Amino acid sequence: MEKEYFVHESSYVDEPCKVGKGTKIWHFTHIMMGCEIGERCNIGQNVVISSGVTLGNNVKIQNNVSVYTGVHCEDDVFLGPSCVFTNVINPRSHVSRKDEYKETLIGQGASIGANATIVCGNHIGRYALIGAGTVVTKNVPDYALMVGNPARQLGWMCQCGEKIHFHDDVAVCLVCSKKYSKSENCVREIEDNN
């Protein structure tokens, strides 16, 4: 039976695992058994997807990313080149910590920039944008723009990837016209009921 996804001849896909229709797995990549990859994902060169990882639909992973056990990406997540995940807080070569893996959730539509580090056990909110080289050590709100080491919030982002500015707790994207409301540190899209 012909596969409904593409795997470059230099890559390995261990069985059993699930790979969705239309997904492309490029050069020198290793997909380990027990992971689940959604439809229409694009997995770049020299990527490792460890056992137990789940990727939603339309996830884009750039070159040189290791997605370790405990990481879960929702739909439409972007992982930039050489971004880093961890799954243990206090690793030691001589101490087995496999029963201490912490989960990391990357929310729908979130983007993680090149060379960013995501310390395990944190939640990256929906449509958040983590700048290149940023080190995330705590939870990130939906739509937040985070930069630096440790990460600090510089503002808010639209679903389309443009920075938005709030006036009286309401923002309208100047590019796509989506509307947002803010209450304390929580941003929500205002649905257009027309």
N, C-alpha and C. Protein backbone atom coordinates (compact mmCIF):
# COMPACT_ATOMS: atom_id res chain seq x y z
N MET A 1 0.84 -1.19 0.00
CA MET A 1 0.00 0.00 0.00
C MET A 1 0.88 1.25 0.00
N GLU A 2 0.59 2.18 -0.89
CA GLU A 2 1.39 3.40 -1.00
C GLU A 2 1.07 4.35 0.15
N LYS A 3 2.14 4.96 0.72
CA LYS A 3 1.96 5.91 1.81
C LYS A 3 1.36 7.19 1.29
N GLU A 4 0.60 7.85 2.15
CA GLU A 4 -0.03 9.12 1.79
C GLU A 4 0.81 10.31 2.23
N TYR A 5 2.06 10.04 2.60
CA TYR A 5 2.98 11.10 3.00
C TYR A 5 4.34 10.82 2.38
N PHE A 6 5.22 11.83 2.36
CA PHE A 6 6.53 11.71 1.73
C PHE A 6 7.62 11.60 2.79
N VAL A 7 8.54 10.64 2.57
CA VAL A 7 9.72 10.51 3.42
C VAL A 7 10.95 10.44 2.52
N HIS A 8 11.90 11.37 2.72
CA HIS A 8 13.13 11.33 1.94
C HIS A 8 13.89 10.04 2.24
N GLU A 9 14.57 9.51 1.26
CA GLU A 9 15.27 8.21 1.39
C GLU A 9 16.34 8.20 2.47
N SER A 10 16.83 9.37 2.90
CA SER A 10 17.86 9.42 3.94
C SER A 10 17.27 9.44 5.35
N SER A 11 15.95 9.45 5.46
CA SER A 11 15.28 9.57 6.77
C SER A 11 14.71 8.23 7.23
N TYR A 12 14.44 8.16 8.54
CA TYR A 12 13.88 6.95 9.15
C TYR A 12 12.57 7.28 9.83
N VAL A 13 11.58 6.43 9.60
CA VAL A 13 10.30 6.52 10.31
C VAL A 13 10.10 5.17 10.99
N ASP A 14 10.23 5.15 12.32
CA ASP A 14 10.07 3.92 13.09
C ASP A 14 8.60 3.56 13.20
N GLU A 15 8.35 2.27 13.33
CA GLU A 15 6.98 1.78 13.50
C GLU A 15 6.82 1.22 14.91
N PRO A 16 5.64 1.38 15.49
CA PRO A 16 4.49 2.08 14.94
C PRO A 16 4.52 3.58 15.27
N CYS A 17 4.03 4.36 14.36
CA CYS A 17 3.76 5.78 14.59
C CYS A 17 2.71 6.20 13.58
N LYS A 18 2.12 7.36 13.78
CA LYS A 18 1.10 7.85 12.86
C LYS A 18 1.63 9.08 12.16
N VAL A 19 1.54 9.09 10.83
CA VAL A 19 1.93 10.25 10.03
C VAL A 19 0.77 10.56 9.10
N GLY A 20 0.30 11.80 9.16
CA GLY A 20 -0.88 12.20 8.43
C GLY A 20 -0.66 12.43 6.94
N LYS A 21 -1.74 12.42 6.22
CA LYS A 21 -1.76 12.60 4.77
C LYS A 21 -1.14 13.95 4.38
N GLY A 22 -0.30 13.91 3.36
CA GLY A 22 0.29 15.13 2.83
C GLY A 22 1.49 15.67 3.59
N THR A 23 1.90 14.99 4.63
CA THR A 23 3.08 15.42 5.41
C THR A 23 4.35 15.10 4.63
N LYS A 24 5.35 15.97 4.75
CA LYS A 24 6.65 15.78 4.09
C LYS A 24 7.74 15.75 5.15
N ILE A 25 8.58 14.70 5.07
CA ILE A 25 9.68 14.49 6.01
C ILE A 25 10.97 14.51 5.19
N TRP A 26 11.81 15.53 5.44
CA TRP A 26 12.96 15.76 4.59
C TRP A 26 14.22 15.08 5.08
N HIS A 27 15.38 15.44 4.56
CA HIS A 27 16.67 14.75 4.70
C HIS A 27 17.12 14.53 6.15
N PHE A 28 17.69 13.35 6.40
CA PHE A 28 18.39 13.01 7.64
C PHE A 28 17.56 13.22 8.89
N THR A 29 16.28 12.92 8.79
CA THR A 29 15.35 13.10 9.90
C THR A 29 14.97 11.74 10.47
N HIS A 30 14.72 11.71 11.80
CA HIS A 30 14.34 10.48 12.47
C HIS A 30 13.02 10.70 13.20
N ILE A 31 12.01 9.94 12.80
CA ILE A 31 10.71 9.94 13.45
C ILE A 31 10.66 8.67 14.29
N MET A 32 10.61 8.82 15.61
CA MET A 32 10.66 7.66 16.51
C MET A 32 9.28 7.05 16.74
N MET A 33 9.27 5.77 17.11
CA MET A 33 8.01 5.08 17.29
C MET A 33 7.18 5.71 18.40
N GLY A 34 5.86 5.64 18.21
CA GLY A 34 4.94 6.11 19.23
C GLY A 34 4.60 7.58 19.14
N CYS A 35 5.06 8.26 18.11
CA CYS A 35 4.67 9.67 17.97
C CYS A 35 3.50 9.78 16.99
N GLU A 36 2.82 10.92 17.04
CA GLU A 36 1.69 11.17 16.14
C GLU A 36 1.91 12.49 15.44
N ILE A 37 1.91 12.45 14.11
CA ILE A 37 2.12 13.63 13.28
C ILE A 37 0.88 13.84 12.43
N GLY A 38 0.36 15.05 12.44
CA GLY A 38 -0.88 15.35 11.72
C GLY A 38 -0.69 15.45 10.22
N GLU A 39 -1.72 15.94 9.56
CA GLU A 39 -1.72 16.09 8.11
C GLU A 39 -1.02 17.38 7.69
N ARG A 40 -0.44 17.36 6.49
CA ARG A 40 0.15 18.54 5.84
C ARG A 40 1.27 19.19 6.66
N CYS A 41 1.98 18.40 7.46
CA CYS A 41 3.13 18.93 8.20
C CYS A 41 4.35 18.95 7.28
N ASN A 42 5.28 19.82 7.57
CA ASN A 42 6.54 19.88 6.83
C ASN A 42 7.67 19.82 7.84
N ILE A 43 8.42 18.72 7.80
CA ILE A 43 9.47 18.47 8.78
C ILE A 43 10.81 18.55 8.06
N GLY A 44 11.62 19.55 8.44
CA GLY A 44 12.85 19.86 7.73
C GLY A 44 13.97 18.87 7.93
N GLN A 45 15.15 19.29 7.50
CA GLN A 45 16.35 18.46 7.53
C GLN A 45 16.90 18.34 8.95
N ASN A 46 17.41 17.13 9.27
CA ASN A 46 18.10 16.88 10.54
C ASN A 46 17.20 17.16 11.75
N VAL A 47 15.98 16.65 11.69
CA VAL A 47 15.01 16.81 12.78
C VAL A 47 14.82 15.46 13.46
N VAL A 48 14.63 15.48 14.78
CA VAL A 48 14.27 14.28 15.54
C VAL A 48 12.93 14.54 16.20
N ILE A 49 11.99 13.63 15.99
CA ILE A 49 10.70 13.65 16.67
C ILE A 49 10.69 12.42 17.58
N SER A 50 10.75 12.63 18.90
CA SER A 50 10.88 11.53 19.85
C SER A 50 9.55 10.85 20.13
N SER A 51 9.63 9.69 20.75
CA SER A 51 8.45 8.90 21.11
C SER A 51 7.51 9.72 21.98
N GLY A 52 6.22 9.59 21.71
CA GLY A 52 5.21 10.24 22.52
C GLY A 52 4.90 11.67 22.14
N VAL A 53 5.65 12.24 21.20
CA VAL A 53 5.38 13.60 20.74
C VAL A 53 4.12 13.60 19.88
N THR A 54 3.32 14.66 19.99
CA THR A 54 2.19 14.82 19.08
C THR A 54 2.32 16.16 18.36
N LEU A 55 2.09 16.11 17.06
CA LEU A 55 2.07 17.31 16.22
C LEU A 55 0.70 17.38 15.58
N GLY A 56 0.06 18.55 15.65
CA GLY A 56 -1.23 18.74 15.00
C GLY A 56 -1.08 18.84 13.49
N ASN A 57 -2.10 19.32 12.83
CA ASN A 57 -2.06 19.51 11.38
C ASN A 57 -1.31 20.79 11.02
N ASN A 58 -0.65 20.75 9.86
CA ASN A 58 0.01 21.92 9.29
C ASN A 58 1.11 22.50 10.18
N VAL A 59 1.81 21.64 10.91
CA VAL A 59 2.95 22.07 11.73
C VAL A 59 4.17 22.15 10.83
N LYS A 60 4.91 23.24 10.94
CA LYS A 60 6.14 23.44 10.15
C LYS A 60 7.33 23.40 11.10
N ILE A 61 8.26 22.48 10.84
CA ILE A 61 9.47 22.36 11.65
C ILE A 61 10.67 22.60 10.74
N GLN A 62 11.43 23.62 11.04
CA GLN A 62 12.60 23.96 10.25
C GLN A 62 13.78 23.05 10.62
N ASN A 63 14.91 23.22 9.96
CA ASN A 63 16.07 22.34 10.13
C ASN A 63 16.63 22.35 11.55
N ASN A 64 17.21 21.19 11.93
CA ASN A 64 18.00 21.04 13.15
C ASN A 64 17.21 21.22 14.44
N VAL A 65 15.98 20.73 14.48
CA VAL A 65 15.16 20.82 15.69
C VAL A 65 14.97 19.42 16.25
N SER A 66 15.17 19.27 17.58
CA SER A 66 14.85 18.02 18.27
C SER A 66 13.61 18.26 19.11
N VAL A 67 12.55 17.52 18.81
CA VAL A 67 11.30 17.65 19.54
C VAL A 67 11.22 16.44 20.46
N TYR A 68 11.48 16.66 21.75
CA TYR A 68 11.64 15.57 22.71
C TYR A 68 10.32 15.11 23.31
N THR A 69 10.34 13.90 23.86
CA THR A 69 9.18 13.33 24.54
C THR A 69 8.64 14.34 25.55
N GLY A 70 7.33 14.53 25.51
CA GLY A 70 6.68 15.49 26.40
C GLY A 70 6.23 16.75 25.70
N VAL A 71 6.69 16.96 24.46
CA VAL A 71 6.30 18.15 23.70
C VAL A 71 5.07 17.82 22.86
N HIS A 72 4.09 18.73 22.91
CA HIS A 72 2.86 18.58 22.13
C HIS A 72 2.59 19.90 21.41
N CYS A 73 2.49 19.84 20.09
CA CYS A 73 2.22 21.02 19.27
C CYS A 73 0.82 20.91 18.68
N GLU A 74 0.02 21.95 18.88
CA GLU A 74 -1.31 21.99 18.28
C GLU A 74 -1.20 22.37 16.81
N ASP A 75 -2.32 22.52 16.13
CA ASP A 75 -2.35 22.84 14.70
C ASP A 75 -1.63 24.16 14.40
N ASP A 76 -1.02 24.22 13.22
CA ASP A 76 -0.45 25.45 12.65
C ASP A 76 0.72 26.03 13.43
N VAL A 77 1.42 25.22 14.19
CA VAL A 77 2.60 25.68 14.94
C VAL A 77 3.79 25.78 13.98
N PHE A 78 4.64 26.79 14.20
CA PHE A 78 5.88 26.97 13.45
C PHE A 78 7.05 26.88 14.42
N LEU A 79 7.98 25.94 14.15
CA LEU A 79 9.20 25.80 14.96
C LEU A 79 10.38 26.21 14.10
N GLY A 80 11.02 27.32 14.46
CA GLY A 80 12.10 27.88 13.66
C GLY A 80 13.38 27.08 13.73
N PRO A 81 14.34 27.38 12.83
CA PRO A 81 15.59 26.62 12.75
C PRO A 81 16.33 26.55 14.08
N SER A 82 16.72 25.34 14.44
CA SER A 82 17.57 25.09 15.61
C SER A 82 16.95 25.52 16.92
N CYS A 83 15.62 25.67 16.99
CA CYS A 83 15.03 25.94 18.30
C CYS A 83 15.17 24.68 19.16
N VAL A 84 15.12 24.89 20.47
CA VAL A 84 15.49 23.82 21.41
C VAL A 84 14.37 23.57 22.41
N PHE A 85 14.07 22.31 22.64
CA PHE A 85 13.15 21.91 23.71
C PHE A 85 13.92 21.09 24.73
N THR A 86 13.46 21.13 25.98
CA THR A 86 14.01 20.24 27.01
C THR A 86 12.83 19.42 27.54
N ASN A 87 13.14 18.37 28.29
CA ASN A 87 12.05 17.63 28.93
C ASN A 87 12.37 17.24 30.38
N VAL A 88 13.54 17.64 30.87
CA VAL A 88 13.93 17.40 32.26
C VAL A 88 14.51 18.70 32.81
N ILE A 89 14.13 19.05 34.04
CA ILE A 89 14.60 20.29 34.66
C ILE A 89 16.06 20.18 35.12
N ASN A 90 16.44 19.04 35.66
CA ASN A 90 17.78 18.89 36.25
C ASN A 90 18.49 17.64 35.72
N PRO A 91 18.87 17.64 34.44
CA PRO A 91 19.46 16.43 33.85
C PRO A 91 20.84 16.11 34.42
N ARG A 92 21.10 14.84 34.56
CA ARG A 92 22.42 14.31 34.91
C ARG A 92 22.63 13.06 34.07
N SER A 93 23.81 12.93 33.50
CA SER A 93 24.11 11.78 32.67
C SER A 93 23.98 10.47 33.44
N HIS A 94 24.39 10.47 34.70
CA HIS A 94 24.42 9.23 35.48
C HIS A 94 23.12 8.96 36.25
N VAL A 95 22.10 9.83 36.11
CA VAL A 95 20.82 9.64 36.80
C VAL A 95 19.71 9.55 35.75
N SER A 96 18.96 8.44 35.78
CA SER A 96 17.84 8.28 34.85
C SER A 96 16.67 9.14 35.33
N ARG A 97 16.16 9.99 34.45
CA ARG A 97 15.05 10.88 34.80
C ARG A 97 13.85 10.64 33.88
N LYS A 98 13.79 9.48 33.20
CA LYS A 98 12.72 9.23 32.24
C LYS A 98 11.34 9.27 32.86
N ASP A 99 11.23 9.02 34.16
CA ASP A 99 9.93 9.09 34.82
C ASP A 99 9.63 10.51 35.31
N GLU A 100 10.50 11.48 35.00
CA GLU A 100 10.32 12.86 35.44
C GLU A 100 10.11 13.83 34.27
N TYR A 101 9.91 13.30 33.06
CA TYR A 101 9.71 14.19 31.91
C TYR A 101 8.54 15.13 32.17
N LYS A 102 8.72 16.38 31.84
CA LYS A 102 7.67 17.39 32.00
C LYS A 102 7.09 17.71 30.63
N GLU A 103 5.78 17.95 30.59
CA GLU A 103 5.12 18.24 29.33
C GLU A 103 5.21 19.72 28.97
N THR A 104 5.32 19.96 27.68
CA THR A 104 5.35 21.31 27.13
C THR A 104 4.30 21.37 26.03
N LEU A 105 3.42 22.35 26.11
CA LEU A 105 2.36 22.50 25.12
C LEU A 105 2.59 23.77 24.32
N ILE A 106 2.62 23.62 23.00
CA ILE A 106 2.73 24.76 22.10
C ILE A 106 1.34 24.94 21.48
N GLY A 107 0.69 26.06 21.79
CA GLY A 107 -0.69 26.30 21.40
C GLY A 107 -0.85 26.57 19.91
N GLN A 108 -2.06 26.42 19.44
CA GLN A 108 -2.40 26.58 18.03
C GLN A 108 -1.86 27.90 17.47
N GLY A 109 -1.21 27.80 16.32
CA GLY A 109 -0.75 28.98 15.59
C GLY A 109 0.47 29.68 16.17
N ALA A 110 1.03 29.17 17.26
CA ALA A 110 2.21 29.80 17.87
C ALA A 110 3.44 29.62 16.98
N SER A 111 4.35 30.59 17.03
CA SER A 111 5.61 30.53 16.28
C SER A 111 6.78 30.68 17.25
N ILE A 112 7.77 29.81 17.07
CA ILE A 112 8.97 29.87 17.90
C ILE A 112 10.14 30.17 16.98
N GLY A 113 10.87 31.25 17.26
CA GLY A 113 11.94 31.72 16.40
C GLY A 113 13.19 30.88 16.46
N ALA A 114 14.10 31.13 15.51
CA ALA A 114 15.37 30.41 15.40
C ALA A 114 16.15 30.50 16.70
N ASN A 115 16.73 29.37 17.11
CA ASN A 115 17.61 29.28 18.27
C ASN A 115 16.95 29.63 19.59
N ALA A 116 15.63 29.71 19.65
CA ALA A 116 14.94 29.91 20.93
C ALA A 116 15.03 28.63 21.74
N THR A 117 14.98 28.76 23.06
CA THR A 117 14.99 27.61 23.97
C THR A 117 13.71 27.63 24.79
N ILE A 118 13.00 26.50 24.80
CA ILE A 118 11.77 26.38 25.56
C ILE A 118 12.04 25.39 26.70
N VAL A 119 12.12 25.92 27.93
CA VAL A 119 12.35 25.05 29.09
C VAL A 119 11.07 24.27 29.36
N CYS A 120 11.23 22.99 29.65
CA CYS A 120 10.09 22.08 29.77
C CYS A 120 9.12 22.47 30.89
N GLY A 121 7.89 22.00 30.73
CA GLY A 121 6.86 22.22 31.73
C GLY A 121 6.07 23.49 31.53
N ASN A 122 6.33 24.20 30.43
CA ASN A 122 5.65 25.46 30.18
C ASN A 122 4.66 25.34 29.04
N HIS A 123 3.71 26.26 29.02
CA HIS A 123 2.68 26.32 27.98
C HIS A 123 2.91 27.60 27.19
N ILE A 124 3.05 27.44 25.86
CA ILE A 124 3.16 28.59 24.96
C ILE A 124 1.75 28.81 24.41
N GLY A 125 1.18 29.97 24.65
CA GLY A 125 -0.20 30.25 24.28
C GLY A 125 -0.45 30.28 22.78
N ARG A 126 -1.72 30.23 22.43
CA ARG A 126 -2.15 30.26 21.03
C ARG A 126 -1.67 31.55 20.37
N TYR A 127 -1.14 31.43 19.18
CA TYR A 127 -0.70 32.55 18.34
C TYR A 127 0.38 33.41 18.99
N ALA A 128 1.01 32.92 20.04
CA ALA A 128 2.15 33.65 20.62
C ALA A 128 3.31 33.62 19.63
N LEU A 129 4.20 34.59 19.75
CA LEU A 129 5.40 34.63 18.92
C LEU A 129 6.61 34.74 19.84
N ILE A 130 7.48 33.74 19.77
CA ILE A 130 8.70 33.70 20.58
C ILE A 130 9.84 34.12 19.67
N GLY A 131 10.48 35.25 19.98
CA GLY A 131 11.52 35.80 19.12
C GLY A 131 12.76 34.92 19.06
N ALA A 132 13.55 35.11 18.01
CA ALA A 132 14.79 34.35 17.83
C ALA A 132 15.69 34.51 19.04
N GLY A 133 16.25 33.40 19.52
CA GLY A 133 17.19 33.41 20.62
C GLY A 133 16.57 33.56 22.00
N THR A 134 15.27 33.65 22.09
CA THR A 134 14.58 33.84 23.37
C THR A 134 14.65 32.56 24.21
N VAL A 135 14.73 32.73 25.54
CA VAL A 135 14.72 31.59 26.46
C VAL A 135 13.44 31.68 27.30
N VAL A 136 12.52 30.74 27.06
CA VAL A 136 11.23 30.73 27.75
C VAL A 136 11.35 29.87 29.01
N THR A 137 11.10 30.50 30.17
CA THR A 137 11.21 29.81 31.46
C THR A 137 9.90 29.78 32.23
N LYS A 138 8.83 30.33 31.63
CA LYS A 138 7.51 30.31 32.28
C LYS A 138 6.43 30.31 31.21
N ASN A 139 5.19 30.13 31.62
CA ASN A 139 4.07 30.10 30.69
C ASN A 139 3.97 31.42 29.92
N VAL A 140 3.51 31.32 28.67
CA VAL A 140 3.37 32.47 27.78
C VAL A 140 1.89 32.62 27.43
N PRO A 141 1.32 33.82 27.60
CA PRO A 141 -0.11 34.00 27.28
C PRO A 141 -0.40 33.89 25.78
N ASP A 142 -1.65 33.64 25.45
CA ASP A 142 -2.10 33.67 24.06
C ASP A 142 -1.74 35.03 23.46
N TYR A 143 -1.30 35.03 22.21
CA TYR A 143 -1.02 36.23 21.41
C TYR A 143 0.18 37.06 21.90
N ALA A 144 0.92 36.60 22.88
CA ALA A 144 2.02 37.38 23.44
C ALA A 144 3.23 37.38 22.52
N LEU A 145 3.96 38.49 22.49
CA LEU A 145 5.25 38.62 21.81
C LEU A 145 6.32 38.59 22.89
N MET A 146 7.18 37.57 22.83
CA MET A 146 8.20 37.36 23.87
C MET A 146 9.59 37.41 23.26
N VAL A 147 10.52 38.10 23.96
CA VAL A 147 11.92 38.18 23.52
C VAL A 147 12.84 38.18 24.73
N GLY A 148 14.10 37.81 24.50
CA GLY A 148 15.14 37.96 25.52
C GLY A 148 15.42 36.72 26.32
N ASN A 149 16.37 36.88 27.26
CA ASN A 149 16.81 35.81 28.16
C ASN A 149 16.93 36.36 29.57
N PRO A 150 16.00 36.00 30.47
CA PRO A 150 14.81 35.19 30.21
C PRO A 150 13.78 35.99 29.42
N ALA A 151 12.82 35.27 28.85
CA ALA A 151 11.81 35.89 27.99
C ALA A 151 11.03 36.96 28.75
N ARG A 152 10.82 38.09 28.08
CA ARG A 152 9.95 39.13 28.62
C ARG A 152 8.98 39.54 27.52
N GLN A 153 7.80 39.96 27.93
CA GLN A 153 6.78 40.30 26.95
C GLN A 153 6.98 41.72 26.44
N LEU A 154 6.99 41.85 25.08
CA LEU A 154 7.13 43.16 24.43
C LEU A 154 5.84 43.68 23.83
N GLY A 155 4.81 42.86 23.81
CA GLY A 155 3.56 43.31 23.21
C GLY A 155 2.68 42.13 22.86
N TRP A 156 1.83 42.37 21.85
CA TRP A 156 0.82 41.39 21.44
C TRP A 156 0.87 41.21 19.93
N MET A 157 0.48 40.03 19.47
CA MET A 157 0.51 39.68 18.05
C MET A 157 -0.86 39.26 17.56
N CYS A 158 -1.14 39.60 16.32
CA CYS A 158 -2.34 39.14 15.63
C CYS A 158 -2.12 37.71 15.14
N GLN A 159 -3.21 37.03 14.83
CA GLN A 159 -3.10 35.69 14.24
C GLN A 159 -2.32 35.71 12.94
N CYS A 160 -2.35 36.83 12.22
CA CYS A 160 -1.66 36.91 10.93
C CYS A 160 -0.16 37.18 11.09
N GLY A 161 0.30 37.41 12.32
CA GLY A 161 1.73 37.59 12.55
C GLY A 161 2.17 39.03 12.66
N GLU A 162 1.24 39.97 12.67
CA GLU A 162 1.57 41.39 12.81
C GLU A 162 1.37 41.83 14.26
N LYS A 163 2.17 42.78 14.70
CA LYS A 163 2.02 43.33 16.04
C LYS A 163 0.74 44.15 16.11
N ILE A 164 0.02 44.03 17.22
CA ILE A 164 -1.20 44.81 17.42
C ILE A 164 -1.02 45.71 18.64
N HIS A 165 -1.76 46.81 18.66
CA HIS A 165 -1.67 47.80 19.74
C HIS A 165 -3.05 48.03 20.31
N PHE A 166 -3.15 47.97 21.63
CA PHE A 166 -4.44 48.13 22.30
C PHE A 166 -4.67 49.58 22.70
N HIS A 167 -5.92 50.02 22.51
CA HIS A 167 -6.40 51.32 22.97
C HIS A 167 -7.73 51.04 23.67
N ASP A 168 -7.79 51.38 24.96
CA ASP A 168 -8.99 51.08 25.75
C ASP A 168 -9.34 49.60 25.68
N ASP A 169 -8.32 48.76 25.76
CA ASP A 169 -8.45 47.30 25.79
C ASP A 169 -9.06 46.69 24.53
N VAL A 170 -8.97 47.41 23.40
CA VAL A 170 -9.41 46.88 22.11
C VAL A 170 -8.31 47.15 21.09
N ALA A 171 -8.05 46.16 20.22
CA ALA A 171 -7.06 46.32 19.15
C ALA A 171 -7.67 45.83 17.84
N VAL A 172 -7.29 46.50 16.76
CA VAL A 172 -7.67 46.08 15.42
C VAL A 172 -6.38 45.96 14.61
N CYS A 173 -6.17 44.79 14.00
CA CYS A 173 -4.97 44.59 13.20
C CYS A 173 -5.04 45.47 11.96
N LEU A 174 -3.96 46.20 11.71
CA LEU A 174 -3.92 47.10 10.56
C LEU A 174 -3.72 46.35 9.24
N VAL A 175 -3.38 45.06 9.32
CA VAL A 175 -3.14 44.27 8.11
C VAL A 175 -4.35 43.43 7.73
N CYS A 176 -4.90 42.67 8.69
CA CYS A 176 -5.99 41.75 8.33
C CYS A 176 -7.35 42.16 8.92
N SER A 177 -7.36 43.19 9.75
CA SER A 177 -8.60 43.75 10.35
C SER A 177 -9.24 42.89 11.42
N LYS A 178 -8.55 41.83 11.89
CA LYS A 178 -9.09 41.08 13.02
C LYS A 178 -9.13 42.00 14.24
N LYS A 179 -10.14 41.76 15.12
CA LYS A 179 -10.32 42.58 16.31
C LYS A 179 -10.07 41.74 17.56
N TYR A 180 -9.50 42.39 18.58
CA TYR A 180 -9.16 41.71 19.82
C TYR A 180 -9.57 42.55 21.02
N SER A 181 -9.89 41.86 22.12
CA SER A 181 -10.14 42.53 23.39
C SER A 181 -9.12 42.02 24.40
N LYS A 182 -8.80 42.86 25.38
CA LYS A 182 -7.82 42.49 26.41
C LYS A 182 -8.42 42.79 27.78
N SER A 183 -8.31 41.82 28.67
CA SER A 183 -8.72 41.98 30.05
C SER A 183 -7.59 41.45 30.91
N GLU A 184 -6.98 42.33 31.71
CA GLU A 184 -5.78 42.01 32.47
C GLU A 184 -4.71 41.54 31.49
N ASN A 185 -4.23 40.32 31.60
CA ASN A 185 -3.19 39.85 30.68
C ASN A 185 -3.73 38.75 29.75
N CYS A 186 -5.02 38.86 29.44
CA CYS A 186 -5.68 37.85 28.61
C CYS A 186 -6.26 38.51 27.36
N VAL A 187 -5.85 38.03 26.19
CA VAL A 187 -6.33 38.57 24.92
C VAL A 187 -7.22 37.55 24.23
N ARG A 188 -8.32 38.04 23.67
CA ARG A 188 -9.24 37.18 22.93
C ARG A 188 -9.63 37.86 21.63
N GLU A 189 -9.84 37.05 20.60
CA GLU A 189 -10.34 37.59 19.35
C GLU A 189 -11.82 37.94 19.50
N ILE A 190 -12.22 39.07 18.96
CA ILE A 190 -13.63 39.45 18.93
C ILE A 190 -14.21 38.90 17.64
N GLU A 191 -15.13 37.98 17.76
CA GLU A 191 -15.74 37.35 16.58
C GLU A 191 -16.63 38.34 15.86
N ASP A 192 -16.51 38.40 14.54
CA ASP A 192 -17.38 39.24 13.72
C ASP A 192 -18.62 38.44 13.37
N ASN A 193 -19.76 38.86 13.90
CA ASN A 193 -21.00 38.09 13.72
C ASN A 193 -21.79 38.49 12.47
N ASN A 194 -21.15 39.23 11.56
CA ASN A 194 -21.86 39.63 10.33
C ASN A 194 -21.92 38.50 9.34
